[in-house]
Structures are given as C-alpha cells and as structure tokens.
Amino acid sequence: MKIGVISDTHDHLENIKKVINILKERNITNLIHLGDYCSPFSLPLLKIEKVYAIFGNNDGDKLFLQKKANECGFEIDRAPKAITIERRKIAIMHEPYQLEAFRKSGIYDIVLHGHTHEYYVKEDPLTVNPGELCGYLSGKATFAIIDLEKPECEIVEL
C-alpha cells in the first residue's frame, strides 16, 4: 500500500488540486497532511478516501479549521500524533521538536514532519519531510509517496 504525504500547503489551491489528481491517478487513497493549511477554504480540496491530519504552526483559527475538516469527513489533531496504517506505526508532527527521540525510540517504523519547507529522506527508521507543497520558500513544490510495504519514499516535484 502507498500513501501520500503533504505539508505546508499554505492555501496554494492549484497545487493541492494537482497532488490529489496525482494520488488518484496512482490509486493512492490515503493522505497524511502534516499541517500549515492556513485557511479552511483549502480543506474541501482534500477529496480522497482517508485523510490523517495535524495542525501546523501557521494554522490560526483551529476551531474553524476543525469544523471545516469535520464537514469534509476527517479530523485535524494536535501534534505529535501516532497512527497505524497497514501495521506500520507512524509518528506524525509538524515541527520537528524531539525528532531524534522519536527516531531512536524503536517504536515507530516511519517518522514524518514538515515545517522546514525542505524535503529529505533518511533511513532507519524511514524519516521524511515531504517539503512544501506551496513552493513559496524553496521554489519547489514537493510531496512524498511512501510505499508502506518496503518502506521507501519517493519525493515528487510538481
């Protein structure tokens, strides 16, 4: 099973639409959003079967974001959060506070974070920052596709 991972969308509606289309073309039905949506009007674009979501540091009106997420069929949680998909234990956070503690804990198969707007992939355990989907700071709009079976990561640039 493969999952999509995005972060730091910062209201870039066109790129959100593009990534959802790519995921659907690849038959990927699960998406993790690592925060910094910014405005609630971007949430209805996350039209995919299952969305796991956490808040970022630029998500101001958390109550309205949560209300809109609920209308769209998912929850936005506070970070860090532990989730399990296909028997893989995954730590998700926006800001990489205590990142090394999560990596060294031996609890998680995969550790994901956003916030820095720069993508990278590390091994043992698989640790991924998908970069920024908005492309505002780095000039590159990126996201990740993770194959949970292996696990391995592909960084995709729009």
Foldseek 3Di string as FASTA:
>chain_A
DKEWEAEAAQCPQVLLLVVQVVCVVVVHQEYEYQENNQDLVNQLSNPGNYYAAEYDPNNDPQVVNQVSNVVSPDGYYHDFDWDADPNFIETGHADCVCVVVVLPVPPGQEYEYEPPQDWDFDVSRTYIHLHHLNCPPVVWRWIWMFDVVVTDIDIDTD
